[in-house]
Amino acid sequence: MASTNSYDDYFKEGTRVVTVKDVEPAVFISAFAQHLKRQGRFEIPKWADYVKTGKFKELPPMDPDWLYVRAASVVRKLYIRKGTGVGGFRKVYGGKHRRGTCTKVYAKASGKVIRYVLQQLEEMGLVEQVEEGSGRMITKEGQRELDTVAVQAVAVEDEDEDED
């Protein structure tokens, strides 16, 4: 493990973070979720407290800010691969449906949650619908905002490492 860390550190020297792809996914998602929450333009619906994220789940998410986290995850995936629609995200966020004594099968995630997140991101101007075919893609303004949050997230992470 130590050898891979030194190998990674060797190639990280002198690199600058410019885009979302240069940041660790968990770091970016938590930073962008906080950014969405601070902005206040992303509305949380009434049903967010008791809705499940898929039919294979038993309970709704415990985190009160789970919708911000899901929105940040969706927008990151759209940044990396444009043209993904609600059906594609249902497959990505799907999981194992445990059916008691029957065999476990794959089940898709809730479409309403993903559709709502995409509609909110469209209203904010971060995402737009693709002209040909179906799906969504990041707008130029959205790309600029995501990249600035990525740079800020790495700056905060570097400050935390320096304190240790």
N, C-alpha and C. Protein backbone atom coordinates (compact mmCIF):
# COMPACT_ATOMS: atom_id res chain seq x y z
N MET A 1 0.83 -1.19 0.00
CA MET A 1 0.00 0.00 0.00
C MET A 1 0.87 1.25 0.00
N ALA A 2 1.94 1.24 0.77
CA ALA A 2 2.81 2.41 0.85
C ALA A 2 3.50 2.65 -0.49
N SER A 3 3.83 1.57 -1.20
CA SER A 3 4.51 1.74 -2.47
C SER A 3 3.60 2.40 -3.50
N THR A 4 2.30 2.06 -3.49
CA THR A 4 1.39 2.69 -4.45
C THR A 4 1.16 4.15 -4.10
N ASN A 5 1.16 4.48 -2.81
CA ASN A 5 1.00 5.89 -2.43
C ASN A 5 2.18 6.72 -2.89
N SER A 6 3.40 6.19 -2.72
CA SER A 6 4.57 6.95 -3.17
C SER A 6 4.57 7.07 -4.69
N TYR A 7 4.11 6.04 -5.37
CA TYR A 7 4.00 6.06 -6.83
C TYR A 7 3.01 7.14 -7.26
N ASP A 8 1.85 7.18 -6.59
CA ASP A 8 0.85 8.20 -6.90
C ASP A 8 1.37 9.60 -6.60
N ASP A 9 2.05 9.75 -5.45
CA ASP A 9 2.59 11.06 -5.08
C ASP A 9 3.62 11.54 -6.09
N TYR A 10 4.40 10.61 -6.65
CA TYR A 10 5.42 10.98 -7.64
C TYR A 10 4.77 11.64 -8.85
N PHE A 11 3.66 11.11 -9.30
CA PHE A 11 3.00 11.65 -10.48
C PHE A 11 2.09 12.83 -10.16
N LYS A 12 1.75 13.03 -8.89
CA LYS A 12 0.92 14.17 -8.52
C LYS A 12 1.74 15.45 -8.38
N GLU A 13 3.06 15.33 -8.22
CA GLU A 13 3.91 16.50 -8.05
C GLU A 13 3.85 17.38 -9.28
N GLY A 14 3.61 18.66 -9.06
CA GLY A 14 3.60 19.60 -10.18
C GLY A 14 2.31 19.62 -10.97
N THR A 15 1.33 18.81 -10.62
CA THR A 15 0.07 18.82 -11.36
C THR A 15 -0.88 19.81 -10.71
N ARG A 16 -1.66 20.44 -11.55
CA ARG A 16 -2.66 21.38 -11.07
C ARG A 16 -4.03 20.81 -11.35
N VAL A 17 -4.94 21.02 -10.43
CA VAL A 17 -6.32 20.58 -10.63
C VAL A 17 -7.03 21.63 -11.47
N VAL A 18 -7.58 21.19 -12.59
CA VAL A 18 -8.26 22.11 -13.49
C VAL A 18 -9.72 21.71 -13.68
N THR A 19 -10.00 20.40 -13.66
CA THR A 19 -11.35 19.93 -13.95
C THR A 19 -11.83 18.98 -12.87
N VAL A 20 -13.08 18.57 -13.02
CA VAL A 20 -13.70 17.63 -12.09
C VAL A 20 -13.01 16.27 -12.15
N LYS A 21 -12.51 15.91 -13.32
CA LYS A 21 -11.87 14.60 -13.49
C LYS A 21 -10.57 14.47 -12.70
N ASP A 22 -9.98 15.59 -12.29
CA ASP A 22 -8.73 15.57 -11.54
C ASP A 22 -8.93 15.37 -10.05
N VAL A 23 -10.18 15.38 -9.58
CA VAL A 23 -10.48 15.32 -8.15
C VAL A 23 -11.05 13.95 -7.81
N GLU A 24 -10.74 13.48 -6.61
CA GLU A 24 -11.33 12.23 -6.14
C GLU A 24 -12.85 12.36 -6.10
N PRO A 25 -13.59 11.34 -6.53
CA PRO A 25 -15.06 11.45 -6.60
C PRO A 25 -15.71 11.81 -5.26
N ALA A 26 -15.32 11.16 -4.19
CA ALA A 26 -15.96 11.41 -2.89
C ALA A 26 -15.72 12.84 -2.43
N VAL A 27 -14.52 13.36 -2.68
CA VAL A 27 -14.19 14.73 -2.27
C VAL A 27 -15.04 15.72 -3.05
N PHE A 28 -15.13 15.51 -4.38
CA PHE A 28 -15.90 16.45 -5.20
C PHE A 28 -17.38 16.40 -4.86
N ILE A 29 -17.92 15.20 -4.68
CA ILE A 29 -19.36 15.06 -4.43
C ILE A 29 -19.74 15.74 -3.12
N SER A 30 -18.94 15.55 -2.08
CA SER A 30 -19.28 16.21 -0.80
C SER A 30 -19.13 17.73 -0.92
N ALA A 31 -18.12 18.20 -1.66
CA ALA A 31 -17.93 19.64 -1.83
C ALA A 31 -19.06 20.26 -2.64
N PHE A 32 -19.47 19.59 -3.71
CA PHE A 32 -20.53 20.16 -4.55
C PHE A 32 -21.89 20.08 -3.84
N ALA A 33 -22.10 19.05 -3.02
CA ALA A 33 -23.34 18.96 -2.24
C ALA A 33 -23.42 20.14 -1.27
N GLN A 34 -22.30 20.48 -0.63
CA GLN A 34 -22.28 21.64 0.27
C GLN A 34 -22.50 22.94 -0.52
N HIS A 35 -21.95 22.99 -1.72
CA HIS A 35 -22.12 24.17 -2.58
C HIS A 35 -23.59 24.36 -2.94
N LEU A 36 -24.26 23.26 -3.30
CA LEU A 36 -25.69 23.34 -3.63
C LEU A 36 -26.51 23.77 -2.43
N LYS A 37 -26.16 23.26 -1.27
CA LYS A 37 -26.90 23.59 -0.05
C LYS A 37 -26.71 25.07 0.32
N ARG A 38 -25.47 25.56 0.19
CA ARG A 38 -25.19 26.96 0.50
C ARG A 38 -25.89 27.92 -0.46
N GLN A 39 -25.96 27.53 -1.74
CA GLN A 39 -26.57 28.41 -2.73
C GLN A 39 -28.05 28.63 -2.47
N GLY A 40 -28.76 27.58 -2.10
CA GLY A 40 -30.18 27.71 -1.79
C GLY A 40 -31.09 27.71 -3.01
N ARG A 41 -30.56 27.49 -4.20
CA ARG A 41 -31.41 27.46 -5.40
C ARG A 41 -32.01 26.08 -5.65
N PHE A 42 -31.44 25.05 -5.03
CA PHE A 42 -31.93 23.68 -5.19
C PHE A 42 -33.02 23.43 -4.15
N GLU A 43 -34.26 23.26 -4.61
CA GLU A 43 -35.38 23.09 -3.69
C GLU A 43 -35.53 21.63 -3.26
N ILE A 44 -35.76 21.44 -1.98
CA ILE A 44 -36.01 20.11 -1.43
C ILE A 44 -37.52 19.93 -1.32
N PRO A 45 -38.09 18.92 -1.99
CA PRO A 45 -39.54 18.72 -1.92
C PRO A 45 -39.98 18.13 -0.58
N LYS A 46 -41.29 18.18 -0.34
CA LYS A 46 -41.84 17.64 0.92
C LYS A 46 -41.62 16.13 1.02
N TRP A 47 -41.70 15.44 -0.12
CA TRP A 47 -41.62 13.98 -0.10
C TRP A 47 -40.21 13.46 0.14
N ALA A 48 -39.21 14.34 0.20
CA ALA A 48 -37.82 13.89 0.34
C ALA A 48 -37.55 13.23 1.68
N ASP A 49 -38.38 13.51 2.69
CA ASP A 49 -38.14 12.93 4.01
C ASP A 49 -38.53 11.46 4.10
N TYR A 50 -39.48 11.03 3.30
CA TYR A 50 -39.96 9.66 3.46
C TYR A 50 -39.93 8.82 2.20
N VAL A 51 -39.35 9.31 1.11
CA VAL A 51 -39.29 8.53 -0.13
C VAL A 51 -38.04 7.63 -0.11
N LYS A 52 -38.19 6.42 -0.67
CA LYS A 52 -37.06 5.52 -0.81
C LYS A 52 -36.37 5.82 -2.13
N THR A 53 -35.10 5.45 -2.25
CA THR A 53 -34.37 5.71 -3.48
C THR A 53 -34.50 4.56 -4.48
N GLY A 54 -35.20 3.51 -4.12
CA GLY A 54 -35.43 2.39 -5.02
C GLY A 54 -36.32 1.37 -4.36
N LYS A 55 -36.93 0.50 -5.18
CA LYS A 55 -37.84 -0.49 -4.60
C LYS A 55 -37.11 -1.55 -3.82
N PHE A 56 -35.79 -1.65 -4.02
CA PHE A 56 -34.99 -2.65 -3.32
C PHE A 56 -34.52 -2.16 -1.95
N LYS A 57 -34.86 -0.94 -1.59
CA LYS A 57 -34.48 -0.40 -0.28
C LYS A 57 -35.62 -0.61 0.71
N GLU A 58 -35.26 -0.75 1.99
CA GLU A 58 -36.27 -0.91 3.02
C GLU A 58 -36.67 0.42 3.63
N LEU A 59 -35.70 1.34 3.77
CA LEU A 59 -35.94 2.61 4.44
C LEU A 59 -35.44 3.77 3.57
N PRO A 60 -35.97 4.96 3.82
CA PRO A 60 -35.42 6.13 3.13
C PRO A 60 -34.02 6.46 3.66
N PRO A 61 -33.25 7.28 2.97
CA PRO A 61 -31.90 7.61 3.45
C PRO A 61 -31.94 8.31 4.81
N MET A 62 -30.94 8.02 5.63
CA MET A 62 -30.87 8.61 6.97
C MET A 62 -30.32 10.04 6.94
N ASP A 63 -29.44 10.32 5.99
CA ASP A 63 -28.82 11.65 5.88
C ASP A 63 -29.87 12.67 5.45
N PRO A 64 -30.05 13.76 6.21
CA PRO A 64 -31.05 14.76 5.81
C PRO A 64 -30.69 15.49 4.51
N ASP A 65 -29.41 15.50 4.16
CA ASP A 65 -28.96 16.18 2.94
C ASP A 65 -28.74 15.20 1.79
N TRP A 66 -29.41 14.07 1.80
CA TRP A 66 -29.15 13.04 0.80
C TRP A 66 -29.47 13.50 -0.62
N LEU A 67 -30.44 14.38 -0.79
CA LEU A 67 -30.82 14.82 -2.14
C LEU A 67 -29.72 15.71 -2.74
N TYR A 68 -29.05 16.50 -1.91
CA TYR A 68 -27.92 17.29 -2.39
C TYR A 68 -26.78 16.38 -2.85
N VAL A 69 -26.54 15.32 -2.08
CA VAL A 69 -25.47 14.37 -2.42
C VAL A 69 -25.81 13.65 -3.72
N ARG A 70 -27.06 13.24 -3.88
CA ARG A 70 -27.46 12.57 -5.11
C ARG A 70 -27.35 13.50 -6.31
N ALA A 71 -27.73 14.77 -6.12
CA ALA A 71 -27.63 15.75 -7.20
C ALA A 71 -26.17 15.96 -7.59
N ALA A 72 -25.28 16.04 -6.61
CA ALA A 72 -23.85 16.21 -6.90
C ALA A 72 -23.30 15.00 -7.63
N SER A 73 -23.74 13.82 -7.25
CA SER A 73 -23.29 12.60 -7.91
C SER A 73 -23.79 12.55 -9.35
N VAL A 74 -25.05 12.93 -9.56
CA VAL A 74 -25.63 12.93 -10.91
C VAL A 74 -24.90 13.92 -11.81
N VAL A 75 -24.65 15.11 -11.29
CA VAL A 75 -24.02 16.13 -12.12
C VAL A 75 -22.57 15.75 -12.43
N ARG A 76 -21.90 15.05 -11.52
CA ARG A 76 -20.54 14.58 -11.81
C ARG A 76 -20.56 13.52 -12.89
N LYS A 77 -21.50 12.61 -12.83
CA LYS A 77 -21.60 11.57 -13.85
C LYS A 77 -21.94 12.16 -15.21
N LEU A 78 -22.77 13.20 -15.22
CA LEU A 78 -23.08 13.88 -16.48
C LEU A 78 -21.86 14.60 -17.03
N TYR A 79 -21.05 15.14 -16.17
CA TYR A 79 -19.82 15.81 -16.59
C TYR A 79 -18.90 14.83 -17.30
N ILE A 80 -18.80 13.64 -16.74
CA ILE A 80 -17.90 12.63 -17.29
C ILE A 80 -18.48 12.01 -18.56
N ARG A 81 -19.78 11.76 -18.58
CA ARG A 81 -20.39 11.10 -19.74
C ARG A 81 -21.70 11.78 -20.08
N LYS A 82 -21.67 12.65 -21.09
CA LYS A 82 -22.88 13.37 -21.47
C LYS A 82 -23.85 12.45 -22.22
N GLY A 83 -25.10 12.87 -22.27
CA GLY A 83 -26.10 12.10 -22.99
C GLY A 83 -26.80 11.05 -22.16
N THR A 84 -26.50 10.98 -20.88
CA THR A 84 -27.15 10.00 -20.01
C THR A 84 -28.50 10.54 -19.59
N GLY A 85 -29.51 9.67 -19.63
CA GLY A 85 -30.86 10.08 -19.27
C GLY A 85 -31.31 9.43 -17.98
N VAL A 86 -32.60 9.55 -17.72
CA VAL A 86 -33.17 9.01 -16.48
C VAL A 86 -33.00 7.50 -16.43
N GLY A 87 -33.25 6.82 -17.55
CA GLY A 87 -33.12 5.36 -17.58
C GLY A 87 -31.71 4.89 -17.30
N GLY A 88 -30.73 5.60 -17.83
CA GLY A 88 -29.33 5.25 -17.57
C GLY A 88 -28.96 5.43 -16.12
N PHE A 89 -29.44 6.53 -15.52
CA PHE A 89 -29.15 6.77 -14.11
C PHE A 89 -29.89 5.77 -13.22
N ARG A 90 -31.06 5.31 -13.65
CA ARG A 90 -31.76 4.28 -12.86
C ARG A 90 -30.93 3.02 -12.79
N LYS A 91 -30.25 2.68 -13.88
CA LYS A 91 -29.38 1.50 -13.88
C LYS A 91 -28.16 1.73 -12.99
N VAL A 92 -27.58 2.93 -13.08
CA VAL A 92 -26.37 3.23 -12.31
C VAL A 92 -26.64 3.16 -10.81
N TYR A 93 -27.75 3.75 -10.37
CA TYR A 93 -28.05 3.82 -8.94
C TYR A 93 -28.88 2.64 -8.46
N GLY A 94 -29.12 1.67 -9.32
CA GLY A 94 -29.86 0.47 -8.92
C GLY A 94 -29.01 -0.41 -8.03
N GLY A 95 -29.61 -1.51 -7.56
CA GLY A 95 -28.87 -2.40 -6.67
C GLY A 95 -29.55 -3.75 -6.55
N LYS A 96 -29.10 -4.50 -5.56
CA LYS A 96 -29.56 -5.86 -5.33
C LYS A 96 -30.88 -5.87 -4.59
N HIS A 97 -31.88 -6.50 -5.19
CA HIS A 97 -33.18 -6.64 -4.55
C HIS A 97 -33.21 -7.98 -3.82
N ARG A 98 -33.23 -7.92 -2.50
CA ARG A 98 -33.25 -9.13 -1.69
C ARG A 98 -34.70 -9.56 -1.52
N ARG A 99 -35.01 -10.76 -1.95
CA ARG A 99 -36.39 -11.22 -1.97
C ARG A 99 -36.64 -12.37 -1.00
N GLY A 100 -36.02 -12.32 0.13
CA GLY A 100 -36.24 -13.38 1.11
C GLY A 100 -35.54 -14.66 0.71
N THR A 101 -36.30 -15.76 0.59
CA THR A 101 -35.69 -17.03 0.25
C THR A 101 -35.43 -17.17 -1.25
N CYS A 102 -36.02 -16.33 -2.05
CA CYS A 102 -35.77 -16.36 -3.49
C CYS A 102 -34.38 -15.80 -3.79
N THR A 103 -33.92 -16.05 -5.00
CA THR A 103 -32.61 -15.52 -5.37
C THR A 103 -32.66 -13.99 -5.46
N LYS A 104 -31.52 -13.39 -5.19
CA LYS A 104 -31.43 -11.94 -5.26
C LYS A 104 -31.32 -11.53 -6.72
N VAL A 105 -32.03 -10.49 -7.11
CA VAL A 105 -31.99 -10.01 -8.49
C VAL A 105 -31.69 -8.52 -8.49
N TYR A 106 -31.29 -8.02 -9.64
CA TYR A 106 -31.00 -6.60 -9.79
C TYR A 106 -32.30 -5.82 -9.95
N ALA A 107 -32.37 -4.66 -9.33
CA ALA A 107 -33.54 -3.79 -9.46
C ALA A 107 -33.05 -2.37 -9.73
N LYS A 108 -33.79 -1.65 -10.55
CA LYS A 108 -33.43 -0.27 -10.88
C LYS A 108 -33.81 0.67 -9.73
N ALA A 109 -33.19 1.84 -9.74
CA ALA A 109 -33.47 2.85 -8.72
C ALA A 109 -34.75 3.60 -9.07
N SER A 110 -35.17 4.47 -8.18
CA SER A 110 -36.38 5.26 -8.37
C SER A 110 -36.16 6.30 -9.47
N GLY A 111 -37.06 6.35 -10.43
CA GLY A 111 -36.95 7.30 -11.52
C GLY A 111 -37.39 8.70 -11.12
N LYS A 112 -38.32 8.81 -10.21
CA LYS A 112 -38.84 10.10 -9.78
C LYS A 112 -37.75 10.96 -9.14
N VAL A 113 -36.93 10.35 -8.30
CA VAL A 113 -35.87 11.08 -7.62
C VAL A 113 -34.87 11.62 -8.65
N ILE A 114 -34.46 10.79 -9.58
CA ILE A 114 -33.48 11.19 -10.59
C ILE A 114 -34.08 12.25 -11.51
N ARG A 115 -35.33 12.06 -11.91
CA ARG A 115 -36.00 13.03 -12.78
C ARG A 115 -36.09 14.39 -12.10
N TYR A 116 -36.45 14.38 -10.81
CA TYR A 116 -36.55 15.63 -10.05
C TYR A 116 -35.20 16.33 -9.96
N VAL A 117 -34.14 15.56 -9.69
CA VAL A 117 -32.80 16.14 -9.59
C VAL A 117 -32.40 16.77 -10.91
N LEU A 118 -32.64 16.07 -12.01
CA LEU A 118 -32.27 16.60 -13.33
C LEU A 118 -33.07 17.86 -13.66
N GLN A 119 -34.34 17.88 -13.30
CA GLN A 119 -35.16 19.06 -13.56
C GLN A 119 -34.68 20.26 -12.74
N GLN A 120 -34.29 20.03 -11.49
CA GLN A 120 -33.78 21.11 -10.66
C GLN A 120 -32.45 21.64 -11.22
N LEU A 121 -31.59 20.73 -11.67
CA LEU A 121 -30.32 21.15 -12.25
C LEU A 121 -30.53 21.92 -13.55
N GLU A 122 -31.58 21.55 -14.30
CA GLU A 122 -31.92 22.30 -15.52
C GLU A 122 -32.38 23.71 -15.18
N GLU A 123 -33.22 23.84 -14.15
CA GLU A 123 -33.69 25.17 -13.73
C GLU A 123 -32.54 26.05 -13.26
N MET A 124 -31.52 25.44 -12.66
CA MET A 124 -30.36 26.18 -12.20
C MET A 124 -29.45 26.58 -13.36
N GLY A 125 -29.62 25.96 -14.51
CA GLY A 125 -28.80 26.28 -15.67
C GLY A 125 -27.52 25.47 -15.76
N LEU A 126 -27.40 24.41 -14.96
CA LEU A 126 -26.20 23.58 -15.00
C LEU A 126 -26.30 22.49 -16.07
N VAL A 127 -27.53 22.07 -16.39
CA VAL A 127 -27.76 20.94 -17.28
C VAL A 127 -28.77 21.35 -18.34
N GLU A 128 -28.63 20.78 -19.54
CA GLU A 128 -29.60 21.00 -20.61
C GLU A 128 -29.88 19.68 -21.31
N GLN A 129 -31.00 19.62 -22.04
CA GLN A 129 -31.33 18.41 -22.77
C GLN A 129 -30.53 18.36 -24.06
N VAL A 130 -30.15 17.16 -24.46
CA VAL A 130 -29.40 16.96 -25.69
C VAL A 130 -30.35 17.13 -26.87
N GLU A 131 -29.88 17.83 -27.93
CA GLU A 131 -30.75 18.08 -29.09
C GLU A 131 -31.10 16.78 -29.82
N GLU A 132 -30.07 16.04 -30.26
CA GLU A 132 -30.34 14.79 -30.97
C GLU A 132 -30.34 13.63 -29.99
N GLY A 133 -31.31 12.77 -30.11
CA GLY A 133 -31.41 11.65 -29.19
C GLY A 133 -32.03 12.07 -27.87
N SER A 134 -31.65 11.39 -26.82
CA SER A 134 -32.23 11.70 -25.52
C SER A 134 -31.11 11.86 -24.50
N GLY A 135 -31.46 12.28 -23.33
CA GLY A 135 -30.48 12.45 -22.27
C GLY A 135 -30.20 13.90 -21.97
N ARG A 136 -29.26 14.13 -21.08
CA ARG A 136 -28.89 15.47 -20.68
C ARG A 136 -27.39 15.66 -20.83
N MET A 137 -26.96 16.92 -20.82
CA MET A 137 -25.54 17.25 -20.85
C MET A 137 -25.30 18.52 -20.05
N ILE A 138 -24.05 18.75 -19.68
CA ILE A 138 -23.66 19.92 -18.90
C ILE A 138 -23.59 21.14 -19.81
N THR A 139 -24.08 22.29 -19.33
CA THR A 139 -23.96 23.53 -20.08
C THR A 139 -22.56 24.13 -19.83
N LYS A 140 -22.21 25.16 -20.60
CA LYS A 140 -20.92 25.82 -20.42
C LYS A 140 -20.84 26.47 -19.03
N GLU A 141 -21.94 27.10 -18.60
CA GLU A 141 -21.96 27.71 -17.28
C GLU A 141 -21.83 26.64 -16.19
N GLY A 142 -22.50 25.50 -16.41
CA GLY A 142 -22.42 24.41 -15.46
C GLY A 142 -21.01 23.85 -15.36
N GLN A 143 -20.34 23.72 -16.51
CA GLN A 143 -18.98 23.22 -16.51
C GLN A 143 -18.06 24.17 -15.76
N ARG A 144 -18.25 25.47 -15.95
CA ARG A 144 -17.43 26.46 -15.25
C ARG A 144 -17.64 26.36 -13.75
N GLU A 145 -18.90 26.24 -13.33
CA GLU A 145 -19.20 26.16 -11.89
C GLU A 145 -18.64 24.88 -11.27
N LEU A 146 -18.78 23.75 -11.98
CA LEU A 146 -18.26 22.48 -11.48
C LEU A 146 -16.74 22.53 -11.35
N ASP A 147 -16.07 23.13 -12.33
CA ASP A 147 -14.61 23.20 -12.28
C ASP A 147 -14.13 24.09 -11.14
N THR A 148 -14.83 25.20 -10.88
CA THR A 148 -14.42 26.06 -9.77
C THR A 148 -14.61 25.35 -8.43
N VAL A 149 -15.69 24.60 -8.29
CA VAL A 149 -15.91 23.84 -7.05
C VAL A 149 -14.84 22.77 -6.90
N ALA A 150 -14.43 22.14 -8.01
CA ALA A 150 -13.38 21.11 -7.95
C ALA A 150 -12.06 21.71 -7.47
N VAL A 151 -11.70 22.88 -8.00
CA VAL A 151 -10.45 23.53 -7.58
C VAL A 151 -10.52 23.90 -6.10
N GLN A 152 -11.67 24.42 -5.66
CA GLN A 152 -11.83 24.78 -4.25
C GLN A 152 -11.77 23.55 -3.35
N ALA A 153 -12.35 22.44 -3.80
CA ALA A 153 -12.37 21.22 -2.99
C ALA A 153 -10.95 20.70 -2.78
N VAL A 154 -10.13 20.75 -3.82
CA VAL A 154 -8.75 20.28 -3.68
C VAL A 154 -7.95 21.24 -2.80
N ALA A 155 -8.23 22.53 -2.90
CA ALA A 155 -7.53 23.51 -2.06
C ALA A 155 -7.83 23.26 -0.59
N VAL A 156 -9.10 22.99 -0.28
CA VAL A 156 -9.49 22.71 1.11
C VAL A 156 -8.86 21.41 1.58
N GLU A 157 -8.82 20.40 0.72
CA GLU A 157 -8.23 19.11 1.09
C GLU A 157 -6.73 19.25 1.34
N ASP A 158 -6.04 20.06 0.53
CA ASP A 158 -4.61 20.28 0.73
C ASP A 158 -4.35 21.00 2.04
N GLU A 159 -5.21 21.95 2.43
CA GLU A 159 -5.05 22.64 3.69
C GLU A 159 -5.21 21.68 4.86
N ASP A 160 -6.17 20.74 4.73
CA ASP A 160 -6.38 19.75 5.79
C ASP A 160 -5.16 18.85 5.94
N GLU A 161 -4.54 18.47 4.82
CA GLU A 161 -3.37 17.61 4.87
C GLU A 161 -2.17 18.34 5.48
N ASP A 162 -2.06 19.64 5.21
CA ASP A 162 -0.95 20.42 5.76
C ASP A 162 -1.07 20.56 7.27
N GLU A 163 -2.30 20.63 7.78
CA GLU A 163 -2.50 20.74 9.23
C GLU A 163 -2.10 19.47 9.97
N ASP A 164 -2.26 18.32 9.31
CA ASP A 164 -1.94 17.04 9.96
C ASP A 164 -0.48 16.90 10.10
